[in-house]
C-alpha cells in the first residue's frame, strides 16, 4: 500500500512521467515463486473454511439488522 502511494506521488509530483515508469524505477523482481502442488489440498480446505466464516458473518449481520 505504501509503495503504491509512493508510485502515485512520484507521478503526481512530476518526478516520474507515468505510473509504469515509476513502477519500473521503484520495484524489482528478485525471484519468482511457483505454487507447490503438495499444498493444494490444504489451501482448498482453508479457503472452504474462510468461505464458511464469511457466510456465517453475513448471516449474523442479516439477523441483527
PDB file of N, CA and C in Angstrom:
ATOM      1  N   UNK A   1       0.822  -1.179   0.000  1.00  0.00           N
ATOM      2  CA  UNK A   1       0.000   0.000   0.000  1.00  0.00           C
ATOM      3  C   UNK A   1       0.874   1.254   0.000  1.00  0.00           C
ATOM      4  N   UNK A   2       1.909   1.256   0.794  1.00  0.00           N
ATOM      5  CA  UNK A   2       2.800   2.414   0.826  1.00  0.00           C
ATOM      6  C   UNK A   2       3.540   2.581  -0.490  1.00  0.00           C
ATOM      7  N   UNK A   3       3.950   1.471  -1.084  1.00  0.00           N
ATOM      8  CA  UNK A   3       4.666   1.556  -2.352  1.00  0.00           C
ATOM      9  C   UNK A   3       3.759   2.131  -3.432  1.00  0.00           C
ATOM     10  N   UNK A   4       2.515   1.688  -3.457  1.00  0.00           N
ATOM     11  CA  UNK A   4       1.567   2.227  -4.430  1.00  0.00           C
ATOM     12  C   UNK A   4       1.370   3.717  -4.251  1.00  0.00           C
ATOM     13  N   UNK A   5       1.288   4.152  -3.008  1.00  0.00           N
ATOM     14  CA  UNK A   5       1.145   5.586  -2.722  1.00  0.00           C
ATOM     15  C   UNK A   5       2.373   6.353  -3.184  1.00  0.00           C
ATOM     16  N   UNK A   6       3.542   5.783  -2.959  1.00  0.00           N
ATOM     17  CA  UNK A   6       4.783   6.436  -3.378  1.00  0.00           C
ATOM     18  C   UNK A   6       4.858   6.531  -4.898  1.00  0.00           C
ATOM     19  N   UNK A   7       4.417   5.492  -5.572  1.00  0.00           N
ATOM     20  CA  UNK A   7       4.420   5.496  -7.040  1.00  0.00           C
ATOM     21  C   UNK A   7       3.503   6.597  -7.559  1.00  0.00           C
ATOM     22  N   UNK A   8       2.296   6.663  -7.016  1.00  0.00           N
ATOM     23  CA  UNK A   8       1.355   7.700  -7.452  1.00  0.00           C
ATOM     24  C   UNK A   8       1.856   9.097  -7.110  1.00  0.00           C
ATOM     25  N   UNK A   9       2.480   9.243  -5.953  1.00  0.00           N
ATOM     26  CA  UNK A   9       3.025  10.543  -5.558  1.00  0.00           C
ATOM     27  C   UNK A   9       4.151  10.976  -6.491  1.00  0.00           C
ATOM     28  N   UNK A  10       4.981  10.042  -6.910  1.00  0.00           N
ATOM     29  CA  UNK A  10       6.080  10.373  -7.820  1.00  0.00           C
ATOM     30  C   UNK A  10       5.549  10.881  -9.153  1.00  0.00           C
ATOM     31  N   UNK A  11       4.471  10.276  -9.631  1.00  0.00           N
ATOM     32  CA  UNK A  11       3.870  10.723 -10.892  1.00  0.00           C
ATOM     33  C   UNK A  11       3.188  12.078 -10.689  1.00  0.00           C
ATOM     34  N   UNK A  12       2.413  12.198  -9.615  1.00  0.00           N
ATOM     35  CA  UNK A  12       1.706  13.457  -9.347  1.00  0.00           C
ATOM     36  C   UNK A  12       2.675  14.610  -9.112  1.00  0.00           C
ATOM     37  N   UNK A  13       3.816  14.316  -8.499  1.00  0.00           N
ATOM     38  CA  UNK A  13       4.806  15.349  -8.216  1.00  0.00           C
ATOM     39  C   UNK A  13       5.750  15.635  -9.365  1.00  0.00           C
ATOM     40  N   UNK A  14       5.550  14.953 -10.479  1.00  0.00           N
ATOM     41  CA  UNK A  14       6.370  15.195 -11.651  1.00  0.00           C
ATOM     42  C   UNK A  14       7.742  14.546 -11.616  1.00  0.00           C
ATOM     43  N   UNK A  15       7.992  13.689 -10.642  1.00  0.00           N
ATOM     44  CA  UNK A  15       9.283  13.009 -10.558  1.00  0.00           C
ATOM     45  C   UNK A  15       9.393  11.882 -11.584  1.00  0.00           C
ATOM     46  N   UNK A  16       8.260  11.329 -11.977  1.00  0.00           N
ATOM     47  CA  UNK A  16       8.205  10.268 -12.983  1.00  0.00           C
ATOM     48  C   UNK A  16       7.136  10.618 -14.002  1.00  0.00           C
ATOM     49  N   UNK A  17       7.363  10.218 -15.239  1.00  0.00           N
ATOM     50  CA  UNK A  17       6.453  10.584 -16.324  1.00  0.00           C
ATOM     51  C   UNK A  17       5.147   9.798 -16.307  1.00  0.00           C
ATOM     52  N   UNK A  18       5.190   8.583 -15.799  1.00  0.00           N
ATOM     53  CA  UNK A  18       3.991   7.748 -15.812  1.00  0.00           C
ATOM     54  C   UNK A  18       4.031   6.757 -14.660  1.00  0.00           C
ATOM     55  N   UNK A  19       2.893   6.140 -14.401  1.00  0.00           N
ATOM     56  CA  UNK A  19       2.827   5.110 -13.365  1.00  0.00           C
ATOM     57  C   UNK A  19       3.744   3.947 -13.742  1.00  0.00           C
ATOM     58  N   UNK A  20       3.741   3.572 -15.008  1.00  0.00           N
ATOM     59  CA  UNK A  20       4.612   2.482 -15.463  1.00  0.00           C
ATOM     60  C   UNK A  20       6.072   2.811 -15.213  1.00  0.00           C
ATOM     61  N   UNK A  21       6.469   4.027 -15.547  1.00  0.00           N
ATOM     62  CA  UNK A  21       7.850   4.467 -15.319  1.00  0.00           C
ATOM     63  C   UNK A  21       8.195   4.419 -13.830  1.00  0.00           C
ATOM     64  N   UNK A  22       7.296   4.908 -12.995  1.00  0.00           N
ATOM     65  CA  UNK A  22       7.536   4.906 -11.546  1.00  0.00           C
ATOM     66  C   UNK A  22       7.612   3.481 -11.005  1.00  0.00           C
ATOM     67  N   UNK A  23       6.734   2.612 -11.496  1.00  0.00           N
ATOM     68  CA  UNK A  23       6.759   1.210 -11.052  1.00  0.00           C
ATOM     69  C   UNK A  23       8.098   0.554 -11.384  1.00  0.00           C
ATOM     70  N   UNK A  24       8.563   0.771 -12.594  1.00  0.00           N
ATOM     71  CA  UNK A  24       9.835   0.174 -13.003  1.00  0.00           C
ATOM     72  C   UNK A  24      10.998   0.724 -12.190  1.00  0.00           C
ATOM     73  N   UNK A  25      10.930   1.991 -11.830  1.00  0.00           N
ATOM     74  CA  UNK A  25      12.009   2.613 -11.068  1.00  0.00           C
ATOM     75  C   UNK A  25      12.008   2.185  -9.602  1.00  0.00           C
ATOM     76  N   UNK A  26      10.839   1.855  -9.062  1.00  0.00           N
ATOM     77  CA  UNK A  26      10.727   1.596  -7.624  1.00  0.00           C
ATOM     78  C   UNK A  26      10.574   0.128  -7.246  1.00  0.00           C
ATOM     79  N   UNK A  27      10.490  -0.740  -8.216  1.00  0.00           N
ATOM     80  CA  UNK A  27      10.303  -2.157  -7.902  1.00  0.00           C
ATOM     81  C   UNK A  27      11.349  -3.008  -8.600  1.00  0.00           C
ATOM     82  N   UNK A  28      11.547  -4.179  -8.064  1.00  0.00           N
ATOM     83  CA  UNK A  28      12.460  -5.143  -8.682  1.00  0.00           C
ATOM     84  C   UNK A  28      11.957  -6.542  -8.359  1.00  0.00           C
ATOM     85  N   UNK A  29      12.038  -7.411  -9.321  1.00  0.00           N
ATOM     86  CA  UNK A  29      11.634  -8.792  -9.095  1.00  0.00           C
ATOM     87  C   UNK A  29      12.903  -9.614  -8.938  1.00  0.00           C
ATOM     88  N   UNK A  30      13.159 -10.016  -7.702  1.00  0.00           N
ATOM     89  CA  UNK A  30      14.381 -10.756  -7.409  1.00  0.00           C
ATOM     90  C   UNK A  30      14.228 -12.246  -7.659  1.00  0.00           C
ATOM     91  N   UNK A  31      13.044 -12.760  -7.411  1.00  0.00           N
ATOM     92  CA  UNK A  31      12.828 -14.184  -7.641  1.00  0.00           C
ATOM     93  C   UNK A  31      11.355 -14.422  -7.947  1.00  0.00           C
ATOM     94  N   UNK A  32      11.090 -15.580  -8.465  1.00  0.00           N
ATOM     95  CA  UNK A  32       9.730 -15.947  -8.831  1.00  0.00           C
ATOM     96  C   UNK A  32       9.323 -17.174  -8.037  1.00  0.00           C
ATOM     97  N   UNK A  33       8.114 -17.140  -7.493  1.00  0.00           N
ATOM     98  CA  UNK A  33       7.614 -18.257  -6.703  1.00  0.00           C
ATOM     99  C   UNK A  33       6.580 -19.028  -7.506  1.00  0.00           C
ATOM    100  N   UNK A  34       6.674 -20.337  -7.452  1.00  0.00           N
ATOM    101  CA  UNK A  34       5.707 -21.199  -8.120  1.00  0.00           C
ATOM    102  C   UNK A  34       4.916 -21.959  -7.074  1.00  0.00           C
ATOM    103  N   UNK A  35       3.647 -22.233  -7.347  1.00  0.00           N
ATOM    104  CA  UNK A  35       2.832 -22.971  -6.389  1.00  0.00           C
ATOM    105  C   UNK A  35       3.381 -24.379  -6.154  1.00  0.00           C
ATOM    106  N   UNK A  36       3.256 -24.841  -4.931  1.00  0.00           N
ATOM    107  CA  UNK A  36       3.679 -26.191  -4.572  1.00  0.00           C
ATOM    108  C   UNK A  36       2.429 -27.059  -4.535  1.00  0.00           C
ATOM    109  N   UNK A  37       2.315 -27.991  -5.464  1.00  0.00           N
ATOM    110  CA  UNK A  37       1.128 -28.838  -5.579  1.00  0.00           C
ATOM    111  C   UNK A  37       0.861 -29.643  -4.312  1.00  0.00           C
ATOM    112  N   UNK A  38       1.872 -29.876  -3.504  1.00  0.00           N
ATOM    113  CA  UNK A  38       1.695 -30.649  -2.273  1.00  0.00           C
ATOM    114  C   UNK A  38       0.772 -29.936  -1.285  1.00  0.00           C
ATOM    115  N   UNK A  39       0.603 -28.630  -1.432  1.00  0.00           N
ATOM    116  CA  UNK A  39      -0.230 -27.853  -0.514  1.00  0.00           C
ATOM    117  C   UNK A  39      -1.629 -27.560  -1.063  1.00  0.00           C
ATOM    118  N   UNK A  40      -1.950 -28.084  -2.227  1.00  0.00           N
ATOM    119  CA  UNK A  40      -3.240 -27.793  -2.850  1.00  0.00           C
ATOM    120  C   UNK A  40      -4.406 -28.155  -1.948  1.00  0.00           C
ATOM    121  N   UNK A  41      -4.379 -29.345  -1.404  1.00  0.00           N
ATOM    122  CA  UNK A  41      -5.475 -29.810  -0.550  1.00  0.00           C
ATOM    123  C   UNK A  41      -5.615 -28.932   0.695  1.00  0.00           C
ATOM    124  N   UNK A  42      -4.515 -28.591   1.311  1.00  0.00           N
ATOM    125  CA  UNK A  42      -4.536 -27.732   2.495  1.00  0.00           C
ATOM    126  C   UNK A  42      -5.152 -26.374   2.176  1.00  0.00           C
ATOM    127  N   UNK A  43      -4.704 -25.764   1.094  1.00  0.00           N
ATOM    128  CA  UNK A  43      -5.217 -24.445   0.731  1.00  0.00           C
ATOM    129  C   UNK A  43      -6.697 -24.509   0.362  1.00  0.00           C
ATOM    130  N   UNK A  44      -7.098 -25.581  -0.280  1.00  0.00           N
ATOM    131  CA  UNK A  44      -8.509 -25.738  -0.629  1.00  0.00           C
ATOM    132  C   UNK A  44      -9.364 -25.801   0.640  1.00  0.00           C
ATOM    133  N   UNK A  45      -8.929 -26.581   1.627  1.00  0.00           N
ATOM    134  CA  UNK A  45      -9.675 -26.691   2.888  1.00  0.00           C
ATOM    135  C   UNK A  45      -9.688 -25.360   3.633  1.00  0.00           C
ATOM    136  N   UNK A  46      -8.573 -24.666   3.634  1.00  0.00           N
ATOM    137  CA  UNK A  46      -8.521 -23.367   4.313  1.00  0.00           C
ATOM    138  C   UNK A  46      -9.444 -22.360   3.630  1.00  0.00           C
ATOM    139  N   UNK A  47      -9.499 -22.401   2.312  1.00  0.00           N
ATOM    140  CA  UNK A  47     -10.380 -21.489   1.591  1.00  0.00           C
ATOM    141  C   UNK A  47     -11.844 -21.830   1.866  1.00  0.00           C
ATOM    142  N   UNK A  48     -12.158 -23.117   1.934  1.00  0.00           N
ATOM    143  CA  UNK A  48     -13.525 -23.522   2.269  1.00  0.00           C
ATOM    144  C   UNK A  48     -13.901 -23.029   3.667  1.00  0.00           C
ATOM    145  N   UNK A  49     -12.976 -23.118   4.610  1.00  0.00           N
ATOM    146  CA  UNK A  49     -13.224 -22.616   5.963  1.00  0.00           C
ATOM    147  C   UNK A  49     -13.438 -21.104   5.930  1.00  0.00           C
ATOM    148  N   UNK A  50     -12.641 -20.401   5.150  1.00  0.00           N
ATOM    149  CA  UNK A  50     -12.793 -18.952   5.001  1.00  0.00           C
ATOM    150  C   UNK A  50     -14.173 -18.610   4.451  1.00  0.00           C
ATOM    151  N   UNK A  51     -14.596 -19.340   3.409  1.00  0.00           N
ATOM    152  CA  UNK A  51     -15.908 -19.087   2.826  1.00  0.00           C
ATOM    153  C   UNK A  51     -17.022 -19.325   3.848  1.00  0.00           C
ATOM    154  N   UNK A  52     -16.901 -20.372   4.633  1.00  0.00           N
ATOM    155  CA  UNK A  52     -17.891 -20.665   5.667  1.00  0.00           C
ATOM    156  C   UNK A  52     -17.939 -19.543   6.706  1.00  0.00           C
ATOM    157  N   UNK A  53     -16.771 -19.066   7.124  1.00  0.00           N
ATOM    158  CA  UNK A  53     -16.726 -17.951   8.076  1.00  0.00           C
ATOM    159  C   UNK A  53     -17.376 -16.697   7.499  1.00  0.00           C
ATOM    160  N   UNK A  54     -17.115 -16.417   6.239  1.00  0.00           N
ATOM    161  CA  UNK A  54     -17.705 -15.237   5.602  1.00  0.00           C
ATOM    162  C   UNK A  54     -19.222 -15.354   5.530  1.00  0.00           C
ATOM    163  N   UNK A  55     -19.706 -16.533   5.168  1.00  0.00           N
ATOM    164  CA  UNK A  55     -21.150 -16.739   5.089  1.00  0.00           C
ATOM    165  C   UNK A  55     -21.785 -16.631   6.470  1.00  0.00           C
ATOM    166  N   UNK A  56     -21.137 -17.184   7.476  1.00  0.00           N
ATOM    167  CA  UNK A  56     -21.646 -17.105   8.845  1.00  0.00           C
ATOM    168  C   UNK A  56     -21.703 -15.656   9.315  1.00  0.00           C
ATOM    169  N   UNK A  57     -20.667 -14.894   9.049  1.00  0.00           N
ATOM    170  CA  UNK A  57     -20.649 -13.476   9.423  1.00  0.00           C
ATOM    171  C   UNK A  57     -21.768 -12.720   8.714  1.00  0.00           C
ATOM    172  N   UNK A  58     -21.989 -13.030   7.448  1.00  0.00           N
ATOM    173  CA  UNK A  58     -23.066 -12.387   6.694  1.00  0.00           C
ATOM    174  C   UNK A  58     -24.419 -12.724   7.314  1.00  0.00           C
ATOM    175  N   UNK A  59     -24.617 -13.989   7.664  1.00  0.00           N
ATOM    176  CA  UNK A  59     -25.877 -14.410   8.283  1.00  0.00           C
ATOM    177  C   UNK A  59     -26.108 -13.680   9.601  1.00  0.00           C
ATOM    178  N   UNK A  60     -25.067 -13.539  10.394  1.00  0.00           N
ATOM    179  CA  UNK A  60     -25.180 -12.837  11.679  1.00  0.00           C
ATOM    180  C   UNK A  60     -25.553 -11.377  11.453  1.00  0.00           C
ATOM    181  N   UNK A  61     -24.898 -10.730  10.487  1.00  0.00           N
ATOM    182  CA  UNK A  61     -25.215  -9.326  10.193  1.00  0.00           C
ATOM    183  C   UNK A  61     -26.669  -9.172   9.758  1.00  0.00           C
ATOM    184  N   UNK A  62     -27.131 -10.081   8.922  1.00  0.00           N
ATOM    185  CA  UNK A  62     -28.506 -10.000   8.427  1.00  0.00           C
ATOM    186  C   UNK A  62     -29.512 -10.212   9.552  1.00  0.00           C
ATOM    187  N   UNK A  63     -29.197 -11.059  10.512  1.00  0.00           N
ATOM    188  CA  UNK A  63     -30.091 -11.307  11.642  1.00  0.00           C
ATOM    189  C   UNK A  63     -30.163 -10.095  12.566  1.00  0.00           C
ATOM    190  N   UNK A  64     -29.068  -9.366  12.687  1.00  0.00           N
ATOM    191  CA  UNK A  64     -29.000  -8.238  13.622  1.00  0.00           C
ATOM    192  C   UNK A  64     -29.657  -6.993  13.057  1.00  0.00           C
ATOM    193  N   UNK A  65     -29.727  -6.864  11.749  1.00  0.00           N
ATOM    194  CA  UNK A  65     -30.236  -5.618  11.164  1.00  0.00           C
ATOM    195  C   UNK A  65     -31.492  -5.913  10.427  1.00  0.00           C
TER     196      UNK A  65
END
